[in-house]
Protein backbone atom coordinates (compact mmCIF):
# COMPACT_ATOMS: atom_id res chain seq x y z
CA MET A 1 0.06 0.11 -0.17
CA ALA A 2 1.42 3.62 -0.80
CA GLU A 3 2.58 5.60 1.90
CA VAL A 4 0.32 8.23 2.67
CA LYS A 5 2.37 11.73 3.40
CA ALA A 6 1.09 14.74 5.27
CA ALA A 7 2.41 18.21 6.05
CA PHE A 8 2.39 19.23 9.74
CA PRO A 9 4.43 21.60 11.80
CA ARG A 10 8.40 20.96 12.08
CA ALA A 11 7.95 21.16 15.79
CA PHE A 12 6.39 18.08 16.04
CA ARG A 13 8.77 16.21 14.01
CA PRO A 14 9.63 14.07 16.90
CA LEU A 15 6.60 12.28 16.94
CA LEU A 16 7.92 10.04 14.13
CA ASP A 17 11.01 8.76 16.11
CA PRO A 18 10.74 5.80 18.82
CA HIS A 19 10.03 6.74 22.41
CA ARG A 20 8.04 5.59 24.94
CA TYR A 21 6.50 9.09 25.87
CA LYS A 22 6.16 12.24 23.45
CA VAL A 23 4.89 14.53 25.47
CA PHE A 24 3.75 17.86 23.65
CA TYR A 25 2.21 20.65 25.77
CA GLY A 26 1.47 24.35 25.04
CA GLY A 27 -0.91 27.14 23.95
CA ARG A 28 -3.86 27.58 22.27
CA GLY A 29 -3.38 27.54 18.32
CA SER A 30 -0.21 25.79 18.59
CA GLY A 31 -1.42 22.61 16.32
CA LYS A 32 -1.07 19.86 19.12
CA SER A 33 -4.48 18.21 18.51
CA TRP A 34 -4.39 18.69 14.68
CA SER A 35 -0.57 17.34 14.24
CA PHE A 36 -1.38 13.89 16.53
CA ALA A 37 -4.22 13.28 14.33
CA THR A 38 -2.61 14.07 11.16
CA VAL A 39 0.52 11.79 11.89
CA LEU A 40 -1.69 9.36 13.47
CA ILE A 41 -3.90 8.72 10.69
CA SER A 42 -0.60 8.62 8.05
CA LEU A 43 0.80 5.61 10.81
CA ALA A 44 -2.60 3.91 10.70
CA ALA A 45 -2.70 4.11 7.01
CA ASN A 46 0.77 3.08 6.14
CA ALA A 47 0.98 -0.24 8.79
CA PRO A 48 -1.45 -2.26 11.17
CA ARG A 49 -1.82 -0.27 14.22
CA ARG A 50 -4.19 -0.36 17.56
CA ILE A 51 -4.37 3.07 18.57
CA LEU A 52 -6.26 4.01 22.06
CA CYS A 53 -7.33 7.65 22.04
CA THR A 54 -8.21 8.57 25.61
CA ARG A 55 -8.75 11.37 28.57
CA GLU A 56 -9.58 11.52 32.08
CA THR A 57 -13.47 11.85 31.22
CA MET A 58 -15.51 11.00 28.04
CA SER A 59 -19.66 11.25 28.35
CA SER A 60 -20.08 10.43 25.08
CA ILE A 61 -18.25 10.04 21.62
CA ARG A 62 -18.47 13.80 20.92
CA ASP A 63 -16.11 14.38 23.84
CA SER A 64 -13.03 12.50 22.06
CA VAL A 65 -11.05 13.33 18.95
CA HIS A 66 -13.38 11.14 17.27
CA GLN A 67 -14.55 14.23 15.02
CA LEU A 68 -10.83 15.39 14.45
CA LEU A 69 -9.68 12.18 12.91
CA SER A 70 -12.57 11.71 10.77
CA ASP A 71 -11.88 15.36 9.45
CA ARG A 72 -8.44 14.46 9.01
CA ILE A 73 -9.32 11.36 6.78
CA HIS A 74 -11.82 13.21 4.57
CA SER A 75 -9.07 15.91 3.83
CA PHE A 76 -6.82 13.24 2.90
CA GLY A 77 -9.21 11.52 0.53
CA LEU A 78 -8.79 8.51 2.53
CA ASP A 79 -12.69 7.46 2.75
CA SER A 80 -12.53 4.26 0.75
CA GLN A 81 -9.63 3.13 3.21
CA PHE A 82 -11.05 4.08 6.72
CA THR A 83 -14.52 3.05 8.37
CA ILE A 84 -16.00 5.63 10.32
CA GLU A 85 -18.25 4.04 12.85
CA LYS A 86 -20.26 5.74 15.59
CA SER A 87 -17.40 4.57 18.29
CA SER A 88 -14.68 3.73 16.31
CA ILE A 89 -12.27 3.91 13.29
CA ARG A 90 -10.75 1.02 11.05
CA HIS A 91 -8.46 0.88 8.19
CA ARG A 92 -8.73 -1.49 5.82
CA ASN A 93 -5.26 -3.11 6.49
CA GLY A 94 -6.29 -3.73 10.42
CA SER A 95 -5.75 -0.56 11.92
CA GLU A 96 -8.13 0.74 14.72
CA PHE A 97 -8.86 3.84 16.65
CA ILE A 98 -10.39 3.10 20.20
CA PHE A 99 -12.18 5.68 22.22
CA ALA A 100 -12.66 5.43 25.99
CA GLY A 101 -12.31 7.74 28.97
CA LEU A 102 -10.03 6.87 31.85
CA ARG A 103 -12.50 7.64 34.81
CA HIS A 104 -15.28 5.87 34.28
CA ASN A 105 -14.00 2.71 32.42
CA VAL A 106 -10.82 1.42 34.62
CA ALA A 107 -12.08 -2.12 33.81
CA GLN A 108 -12.28 -1.64 30.28
CA ILE A 109 -8.86 0.03 30.06
CA ARG A 110 -7.22 -2.86 31.87
CA SER A 111 -8.74 -5.21 29.85
CA LEU A 112 -7.06 -3.56 26.53
CA GLU A 113 -4.28 -6.06 24.68
CA GLY A 114 -1.95 -4.66 22.19
CA ILE A 115 -2.43 -1.07 22.16
CA ASP A 116 0.69 0.01 19.64
CA ILE A 117 0.18 4.16 20.38
CA CYS A 118 -2.18 5.82 23.53
CA TRP A 119 -3.13 9.17 22.62
CA CYS A 120 -3.78 11.10 25.90
CA GLU A 121 -5.30 13.97 24.45
CA GLU A 122 -6.17 17.24 27.35
CA ALA A 123 -3.85 15.50 29.56
CA ALA A 124 -3.75 17.97 32.07
CA ASN A 125 -6.89 16.59 33.38
CA ILE A 126 -5.45 13.11 33.93
CA THR A 127 -5.12 12.31 37.40
CA SER A 128 -2.30 10.50 39.31
CA ALA A 129 -4.85 7.27 39.64
CA SER A 130 -5.80 7.42 36.34
CA TRP A 131 -1.94 7.28 35.04
CA GLU A 132 -1.23 4.41 37.79
CA VAL A 133 -4.20 2.14 35.69
CA LEU A 134 -3.06 3.52 32.10
CA ILE A 135 0.73 3.22 32.21
CA PRO A 136 0.99 -0.53 32.41
CA THR A 137 -1.83 -1.56 30.37
CA VAL A 138 0.20 -0.24 27.30
CA ARG A 139 2.36 -2.93 27.93
CA LYS A 140 2.92 -3.67 24.24
CA ASP A 141 6.79 -4.13 23.29
CA GLY A 142 7.85 -0.78 21.57
CA SER A 143 4.44 1.00 22.40
CA GLU A 144 3.94 4.74 22.82
CA ILE A 145 1.89 7.25 24.87
CA TRP A 146 1.13 10.46 23.41
CA LEU A 147 0.20 13.40 25.35
CA SER A 148 -1.09 16.72 24.03
CA PHE A 149 -2.44 19.15 26.74
CA ASN A 150 -2.70 23.05 27.73
CA PRO A 151 -0.88 23.23 31.24
CA VAL A 152 -2.87 24.62 33.94
CA LEU A 153 -0.71 24.22 37.23
CA GLU A 154 2.70 23.00 38.02
CA THR A 155 1.37 20.78 40.85
CA ASP A 156 -0.95 18.94 38.51
CA ALA A 157 -0.17 15.19 38.36
CA THR A 158 0.49 15.11 34.40
CA TYR A 159 2.59 18.44 34.44
CA GLU A 160 4.63 16.91 37.44
CA ARG A 161 5.02 13.14 36.22
CA PHE A 162 6.09 14.37 32.48
CA VAL A 163 7.44 18.09 32.42
CA LYS A 164 9.00 18.68 35.99
CA SER A 165 10.36 15.14 36.14
CA GLN A 166 10.82 13.92 32.35
CA PRO A 167 10.72 9.82 32.36
CA ALA A 168 13.53 8.02 30.64
CA ASN A 169 13.00 7.58 26.82
CA SER A 170 10.82 10.28 26.34
CA VAL A 171 10.37 13.69 24.37
CA VAL A 172 8.91 16.66 26.12
CA ARG A 173 8.52 19.62 23.85
CA HIS A 174 6.95 23.16 24.71
CA VAL A 175 4.97 24.28 21.60
CA SER A 176 3.04 27.65 21.32
CA LEU A 177 1.65 29.68 18.19
CA THR A 178 4.62 30.61 16.77
CA ASP A 179 5.32 26.86 15.79
CA ASN A 180 2.18 26.76 13.62
CA PRO A 181 3.18 28.22 10.17
CA TRP A 182 -0.76 27.62 9.82
CA PHE A 183 -2.10 29.49 12.67
CA PRO A 184 -5.07 31.44 11.73
CA GLU A 185 -5.61 34.72 11.04
CA GLU A 186 -8.73 35.12 13.22
CA LEU A 187 -6.66 33.72 16.18
CA LYS A 188 -3.77 36.30 15.55
CA ARG A 189 -5.93 39.00 15.98
CA GLU A 190 -7.52 37.49 18.99
CA ALA A 191 -4.35 36.42 20.53
CA ALA A 192 -2.74 40.24 19.85
CA GLU A 193 -6.10 41.92 21.26
CA LEU A 194 -5.48 39.52 24.55
CA LYS A 195 -1.71 40.31 24.64
CA GLU A 196 -2.76 44.25 25.04
CA ARG A 197 -5.26 43.74 27.18
CA ASP A 198 -4.20 41.05 29.95
CA PRO A 199 -0.41 40.06 29.24
CA ASP A 200 -0.44 37.44 31.88
CA ALA A 201 -3.56 35.89 30.42
CA TRP A 202 -2.22 35.64 27.05
CA ALA A 203 1.18 33.78 28.59
CA HIS A 204 -1.08 30.91 29.84
CA VAL A 205 -3.64 30.62 26.70
CA TYR A 206 -1.42 31.10 23.67
CA GLY A 207 2.02 30.94 25.41
CA GLY A 208 1.16 27.67 26.99
CA GLN A 209 2.69 28.63 30.64
CA CYS A 210 1.64 27.34 33.53
CA ARG A 211 -0.80 30.00 36.23
CA HIS A 212 0.33 30.40 39.39
CA THR A 213 -3.16 30.05 41.03
CA LEU A 214 -6.36 29.67 39.38
CA ASP A 215 -9.09 32.44 38.69
CA GLY A 216 -11.35 32.42 41.53
CA ALA A 217 -9.64 29.36 43.40
CA ILE A 218 -11.47 29.14 46.81
CA TYR A 219 -8.34 27.52 48.68
CA ALA A 220 -5.52 29.24 46.92
CA ARG A 221 -4.32 31.11 49.67
CA GLU A 222 -4.77 28.07 52.18
CA LEU A 223 -2.97 25.75 50.09
CA ARG A 224 -0.32 27.93 49.22
CA GLN A 225 0.44 28.51 52.75
CA ALA A 226 -0.22 24.85 53.58
CA GLN A 227 3.16 24.35 51.11
CA GLU A 228 5.27 26.64 52.46
CA ASP A 229 4.28 24.90 55.84
CA ASP A 230 5.65 21.68 54.53
CA ARG A 231 1.99 20.36 55.32
CA ILE A 232 1.79 18.65 51.88
CA GLY A 233 4.30 15.69 52.22
CA PRO A 234 4.48 12.34 53.86
CA VAL A 235 1.96 11.88 56.68
CA HIS A 236 1.96 8.35 57.99
CA TYR A 237 -0.88 6.36 59.38
CA ASP A 238 -0.79 5.89 62.88
CA PRO A 239 -2.10 2.52 63.52
CA SER A 240 -2.68 3.35 67.19
CA LYS A 241 -5.36 5.49 66.24
CA PRO A 242 -8.65 5.32 64.45
CA VAL A 243 -9.62 6.43 61.00
CA SER A 244 -12.72 8.35 59.64
CA VAL A 245 -13.62 8.61 56.51
CA TYR A 246 -15.79 11.60 54.91
CA PHE A 247 -17.87 11.04 52.11
CA ASP A 248 -19.40 12.88 49.08
CA LEU A 249 -21.86 10.60 47.35
CA GLY A 250 -22.03 10.22 43.90
CA TRP A 251 -23.14 7.82 40.65
CA ALA A 252 -22.68 9.57 37.61
CA ASP A 253 -20.43 12.28 39.64
CA ASN A 254 -17.48 11.14 41.67
CA THR A 255 -17.64 9.59 44.98
CA SER A 256 -14.89 10.84 46.68
CA ILE A 257 -13.69 9.98 50.34
CA TRP A 258 -11.14 11.30 52.45
CA PHE A 259 -9.63 9.24 55.21
CA ALA A 260 -8.45 11.22 58.10
CA GLN A 261 -6.67 10.71 61.94
CA HIS A 262 -7.31 13.35 64.36
CA ILE A 263 -4.42 13.22 66.58
CA ALA A 264 -3.13 16.08 68.78
CA GLY A 265 -6.00 18.68 67.55
CA GLU A 266 -4.42 18.04 63.88
CA CYS A 267 -6.26 16.66 60.99
CA ARG A 268 -3.75 14.17 59.25
CA LEU A 269 -5.27 13.63 55.71
CA ILE A 270 -3.83 10.23 54.87
CA ASP A 271 -5.53 8.74 52.07
CA PHE A 272 -7.99 10.20 49.47
CA CYS A 273 -10.09 8.03 46.73
CA GLN A 274 -12.55 8.71 44.08
CA ASP A 275 -14.63 6.65 41.70
CA SER A 276 -17.96 6.56 39.74
CA GLN A 277 -20.69 4.22 38.53
CA ARG A 278 -20.49 2.17 41.65
CA PRO A 279 -22.62 0.63 43.90
CA PHE A 280 -22.09 1.69 47.39
CA ALA A 281 -21.06 -1.89 48.49
CA HIS A 282 -17.64 -1.46 45.95
CA TYR A 283 -16.61 1.43 48.51
CA VAL A 284 -17.13 -0.24 51.68
CA GLN A 285 -14.72 -3.33 49.97
CA LEU A 286 -12.41 -0.67 49.27
CA LEU A 287 -12.23 0.71 52.48
CA GLN A 288 -11.69 -2.90 54.00
CA ASN A 289 -8.90 -3.32 51.46
CA ARG A 290 -6.85 -0.13 52.85
CA GLY A 291 -6.45 -2.19 56.17
CA TYR A 292 -6.67 1.11 58.52
CA VAL A 293 -8.55 0.96 61.78
CA TYR A 294 -11.96 2.46 61.26
CA GLN A 295 -13.87 4.84 63.83
CA THR A 296 -16.72 6.63 62.06
CA MET A 297 -18.13 6.81 58.69
CA TRP A 298 -19.28 10.44 58.03
CA LEU A 299 -22.20 10.84 55.33
CA PRO A 300 -23.85 13.74 53.80
CA HIS A 301 -27.71 14.57 54.55
CA ASP A 302 -28.69 12.60 51.37
CA ALA A 303 -27.77 9.55 52.30
CA GLU A 304 -30.53 9.32 54.55
CA ALA A 305 -32.92 9.19 51.50
CA LYS A 306 -34.06 5.79 50.71
CA SER A 307 -33.28 4.06 47.39
CA LEU A 308 -36.24 3.32 44.85
CA GLY A 309 -34.62 0.13 43.91
CA THR A 310 -33.75 -1.38 47.34
CA GLY A 311 -35.87 0.33 49.14
CA ARG A 312 -33.02 1.11 52.15
CA SER A 313 -30.60 4.45 52.41
CA ILE A 314 -26.90 4.49 51.97
CA GLU A 315 -27.03 5.40 55.84
CA GLU A 316 -28.90 1.94 56.52
CA MET A 317 -26.74 -0.14 54.39
CA ALA A 318 -23.47 1.20 56.33
CA ARG A 319 -25.08 0.29 59.65
CA ALA A 320 -26.10 -3.05 58.11
CA ALA A 321 -22.41 -3.62 57.16
CA GLY A 322 -21.32 -2.77 60.84
CA TRP A 323 -19.83 0.69 60.19
CA ARG A 324 -20.77 3.48 63.02
CA VAL A 325 -22.51 6.15 61.14
CA ARG A 326 -23.03 9.50 61.60
CA ILE A 327 -24.56 12.21 59.50
CA VAL A 328 -22.73 15.68 58.90
CA PRO A 329 -24.60 18.57 59.92
CA LYS A 330 -26.46 20.38 57.36
CA LEU A 331 -25.06 23.67 56.69
CA SER A 332 -24.86 26.41 53.33
CA VAL A 333 -21.88 25.62 51.30
CA GLU A 334 -20.61 29.13 51.92
CA ASP A 335 -20.49 28.23 55.84
CA GLY A 336 -18.77 24.87 54.81
CA ILE A 337 -16.26 26.84 53.05
CA ASN A 338 -15.59 28.99 55.99
CA ALA A 339 -15.42 26.13 58.29
CA VAL A 340 -12.78 24.25 55.87
CA ARG A 341 -10.23 27.73 56.02
CA THR A 342 -10.87 27.86 59.63
CA LEU A 343 -9.31 24.60 59.99
CA PHE A 344 -6.87 24.30 57.15
CA PRO A 345 -4.13 25.42 59.60
CA THR A 346 -4.55 22.08 61.08
CA MET A 347 -4.71 20.32 58.35
CA TRP A 348 -1.76 17.65 56.79
CA PHE A 349 -1.99 16.49 53.52
CA ASP A 350 0.04 13.07 52.62
CA ALA A 351 1.48 14.19 49.01
CA THR A 352 1.28 10.81 47.60
CA ARG A 353 -2.07 8.81 48.78
CA CYS A 354 -4.02 12.41 48.59
CA ALA A 355 -2.58 13.59 45.31
CA ASP A 356 -5.80 13.90 43.33
CA GLY A 357 -7.74 15.14 46.21
CA VAL A 358 -5.28 18.04 46.62
CA GLN A 359 -5.18 18.75 42.87
CA ALA A 360 -8.93 18.66 42.84
CA LEU A 361 -8.55 21.46 45.88
CA ARG A 362 -6.63 23.25 43.89
CA HIS A 363 -9.15 23.34 40.70
CA TYR A 364 -11.87 24.16 42.97
CA ARG A 365 -13.02 27.54 42.16
CA TYR A 366 -16.20 30.17 42.22
CA ASP A 367 -18.41 30.10 39.19
CA VAL A 368 -18.89 33.07 36.70
CA ASP A 369 -22.05 34.43 36.67
CA ASP A 370 -23.80 36.05 33.38
CA ASN A 371 -22.00 39.35 33.81
CA GLY A 372 -18.70 37.56 33.69
CA GLN A 373 -18.10 38.09 37.41
CA PHE A 374 -17.02 35.27 40.08
CA SER A 375 -20.14 34.50 42.27
CA ARG A 376 -20.55 32.96 45.75
CA ARG A 377 -21.27 29.61 43.95
CA PRO A 378 -18.49 27.47 43.31
CA LEU A 379 -18.23 25.92 39.85
CA HIS A 380 -19.46 22.16 39.80
CA ASP A 381 -17.01 20.20 37.87
CA ASN A 382 -14.85 17.37 38.55
CA ALA A 383 -12.83 18.83 41.28
CA SER A 384 -16.20 20.02 43.28
CA HIS A 385 -16.63 16.34 44.98
CA ALA A 386 -13.26 16.09 46.81
CA ALA A 387 -13.50 19.81 47.80
CA ASP A 388 -17.29 18.38 48.98
CA SER A 389 -16.02 15.68 50.78
CA LEU A 390 -13.53 17.89 52.91
CA ARG A 391 -15.88 20.53 53.48
CA TYR A 392 -17.82 17.73 55.26
CA CYS A 393 -15.27 16.43 57.24
CA ALA A 394 -14.30 20.61 58.53
CA VAL A 395 -18.19 20.97 59.17
CA ALA A 396 -18.16 17.61 61.19
CA LEU A 397 -15.18 18.66 63.37
CA THR A 398 -16.44 22.07 63.85
CA GLU A 399 -20.03 20.92 65.06
CA GLN A 400 -18.48 18.44 67.01
CA ARG A 401 -16.22 21.07 68.73
CA ARG A 402 -18.82 23.33 69.42
CA ALA A 403 -21.17 20.69 70.76
CA THR A 404 -18.04 19.91 73.15
CA TYR A 405 -16.19 23.27 73.84
CA GLY A 406 -18.88 25.30 73.23
CA GLN A 407 -19.30 28.54 70.63
CA ALA A 408 -16.49 30.33 71.98
CA ALA A 409 -14.10 27.79 73.20
CA THR A 410 -10.59 27.50 71.53
CA PRO A 411 -9.11 24.41 72.63
CA PRO A 412 -8.74 21.74 70.05
CA PRO A 413 -10.66 18.93 71.09
CA LYS A 414 -8.76 14.97 70.76
CA PHE A 415 -11.58 13.93 68.13
CA TYR A 416 -12.60 10.21 68.01
CA GLU A 417 -10.00 8.57 70.56
CA ARG A 418 -11.64 5.29 71.60
CA PRO A 419 -10.35 3.12 74.58
CA GLN A 420 -9.52 -0.09 72.77
CA ALA A 421 -8.16 -1.62 69.49
CA THR A 422 -11.00 -2.49 67.10
CA LYS A 423 -11.54 -4.43 63.99
CA TRP A 424 -11.36 -2.36 60.47
CA MET A 425 -15.24 -1.55 60.76
CA GLY A 426 -15.00 0.17 63.84
CA ILE A 427 -17.19 -1.79 66.19
């Protein structure tokens, strides 16, 4: 079969060289996605390859690069060679493009075999937990993992793993609009206007530089202080003290769980996990597998609602499993955020086990109203679930402190001390 030849920016020439990791990050208009699609279509047409196209979340095929790849096939005049289906693209030589989100398809991702190339689009959003699943899955000899993304924060898992600490056998390139000879005239005008109006915004949007903090970030000051105080680092589990867990429940959205030990007035966040589209029994088993000695499971007030399918509430299921359950007092989101801010100086975060939780806290920000101004309402997105479960932790601690010491009391109580060791369910 004749080779397909296609032009793409010189900066992306390393895509044709053998490397385990090919990382291209930068600003808008640099041609990252367009170049990746161009090269992958060419490679797939020249020889049989199995290519996984993924990102952190993919609610539907519209969220994927399926349309971009289809457009490139049409532009090359290769419609007769490729079969474009709703959820896959195949070439008559056996090449195949597969599309899957990471967060909601862990079992599917783990079961994939024979992947030659994995393209991670919008890779800045991929969490540490997802990387731990994906990397060993792409294990075929000579297989490659390609990343394209606009960086957000230097502390994001992808940036730390592939840019700040570049892995062996990798090519890592920062690209910008100056690397794209086909940069559209309309974008040139918009970029120039933005640079004149807001140079810092231009540096992030088009220059591809990381932000120091996100606009409207709710806990930016608290996290910066925690970093300066070395309260984000190794936080070891003390087996002589119990662990309490704080849930934010979801189904299509994430269920997020913080694991905390309350010792000497400190809230030590030793672990974090989240998942979605899993029954409650899955999380009970997950907690058991962690091997901690537990005290209390704190659930949000919606855990009291009975399911139409089972006729039981999450609270009832947790109690039936042997858990000591408490319902977090119902306060406004604003009051809950204030509780987190008040207690933040007592919070310590394990940098490894809580990496995805801390990343979510850094991305937790206020929504924007119709006038482009920040509202008093947090934005509901992938970062909000971890923030909500930490909010429940702070509310529970604040309310217990008030009940024990009164409104004006300042001495920090020792929470959840128990007189004797217990089994994992804390009963």
